[in-house]
Amino acid sequence: MKPQTYSMTEPLIERLKSAVWHTIQKPDGYHNVSQLVRAAVDQEVTRLEAKYNHGRPFPKVTTRLPTGPSPEGAMRGAQIRARNRRRASEQDPDHDDSP
């Protein structure tokens, strides 16, 4: 297996860890986070293949996938930056954050 790193929200990470912890001794539970993530990803990829590629694996990607935030993540980042600028200007009315 090849280690990979992906971003997840803190609430999702907490749910993931809690699901493993509270089901570790159940017959259909998982023994670690990686095992649950592999199962969940496999299920979702299988669904996407069935829906968009007649149930067959997608062709191998030979170029780099896009990196950076999703459109939703970019929007959240813009909102956070705008909020921080408002707070800074409220604390210091002479503050100029123009580029």
Protein backbone atom coordinates (compact mmCIF):
# COMPACT_ATOMS: atom_id res chain seq x y z
CA MET A 1 0.00 0.00 0.00
CA LYS A 2 1.09 3.55 -0.70
CA PRO A 3 0.55 6.23 1.97
CA GLN A 4 -1.43 9.25 0.78
CA THR A 5 -2.45 12.51 2.42
CA TYR A 6 -5.84 14.14 1.90
CA SER A 7 -7.61 16.97 3.65
CA MET A 8 -10.77 16.51 5.67
CA THR A 9 -12.74 18.79 7.95
CA GLU A 10 -12.17 18.43 11.68
CA PRO A 11 -15.77 17.29 12.29
CA LEU A 12 -15.41 14.54 9.67
CA ILE A 13 -12.10 13.40 11.18
CA GLU A 14 -13.72 13.21 14.61
CA ARG A 15 -16.68 11.24 13.22
CA LEU A 16 -14.28 8.89 11.44
CA LYS A 17 -12.22 8.21 14.56
CA SER A 18 -15.35 7.80 16.67
CA ALA A 19 -16.85 5.35 14.18
CA VAL A 20 -13.72 3.19 14.35
CA TRP A 21 -13.51 3.37 18.14
CA HIS A 22 -17.18 2.52 18.76
CA THR A 23 -17.36 -0.30 16.21
CA ILE A 24 -13.90 -1.86 16.48
CA GLN A 25 -15.27 -5.01 18.12
CA LYS A 26 -18.39 -5.28 15.97
CA PRO A 27 -18.47 -7.94 13.22
CA ASP A 28 -18.70 -5.27 10.52
CA GLY A 29 -16.50 -2.71 12.32
CA TYR A 30 -13.05 -1.55 11.33
CA HIS A 31 -9.78 -2.02 13.18
CA ASN A 32 -8.28 1.31 12.15
CA VAL A 33 -9.05 4.52 10.30
CA SER A 34 -7.19 3.45 7.15
CA GLN A 35 -9.30 0.32 6.84
CA LEU A 36 -12.55 2.31 7.07
CA VAL A 37 -11.29 4.97 4.62
CA ARG A 38 -10.29 2.31 2.07
CA ALA A 39 -13.72 0.67 2.31
CA ALA A 40 -15.57 3.99 1.99
CA VAL A 41 -13.46 5.18 -0.94
CA ASP A 42 -13.83 1.83 -2.70
CA GLN A 43 -17.61 1.99 -2.30
CA GLU A 44 -17.80 5.54 -3.68
CA VAL A 45 -15.44 4.86 -6.60
CA THR A 46 -17.50 1.77 -7.47
CA ARG A 47 -20.65 3.93 -7.43
CA LEU A 48 -19.07 6.53 -9.72
CA GLU A 49 -17.83 3.86 -12.11
CA ALA A 50 -21.31 2.33 -12.26
CA LYS A 51 -22.95 5.69 -12.84
CA TYR A 52 -20.51 7.26 -15.30
CA ASN A 53 -18.52 4.41 -16.88
CA HIS A 54 -20.88 1.43 -17.29
CA GLY A 55 -19.48 -0.20 -14.14
CA ARG A 56 -15.96 -0.41 -15.52
CA PRO A 57 -12.88 1.19 -13.95
CA PHE A 58 -12.10 4.64 -15.33
CA PRO A 59 -9.04 4.90 -17.57
CA LYS A 60 -5.81 5.59 -15.71
CA VAL A 61 -5.00 9.28 -15.30
CA THR A 62 -1.64 10.18 -16.82
CA THR A 63 -1.62 13.88 -15.93
CA ARG A 64 -1.62 15.65 -12.60
CA LEU A 65 -5.00 16.15 -10.95
CA PRO A 66 -5.99 19.67 -9.94
CA THR A 67 -4.68 20.71 -6.54
CA GLY A 68 -5.80 23.38 -4.15
CA PRO A 69 -9.16 24.04 -2.61
CA SER A 70 -12.46 22.98 -4.12
CA PRO A 71 -14.75 25.81 -5.25
CA GLU A 72 -16.49 25.52 -1.88
CA GLY A 73 -13.16 25.68 -0.04
CA ALA A 74 -12.08 28.72 -2.04
CA MET A 75 -15.37 30.42 -1.14
CA ARG A 76 -14.89 29.64 2.56
CA GLY A 77 -11.34 31.02 2.38
CA ALA A 78 -12.56 34.23 0.73
CA GLN A 79 -15.24 34.62 3.40
CA ILE A 80 -12.70 34.11 6.20
CA ARG A 81 -10.31 36.65 4.67
CA ALA A 82 -13.13 39.20 4.25
CA ARG A 83 -14.22 38.65 7.86
CA ASN A 84 -10.63 39.09 9.08
CA ARG A 85 -10.26 42.31 7.08
CA ARG A 86 -13.52 43.66 8.58
CA ARG A 87 -12.34 42.80 12.09
CA ALA A 88 -8.96 44.44 11.48
CA SER A 89 -10.59 47.62 10.17
CA GLU A 90 -13.00 47.70 13.13
CA GLN A 91 -10.09 47.45 15.55
CA ASP A 92 -7.98 50.00 13.65
CA PRO A 93 -10.05 52.46 11.60
CA ASP A 94 -6.85 53.80 9.95
CA HIS A 95 -5.93 50.27 8.79
CA ASP A 96 -5.46 50.03 5.01
CA ASP A 97 -5.31 46.49 3.67
CA SER A 98 -5.39 47.37 -0.02
CA PRO A 99 -2.79 45.53 -2.13
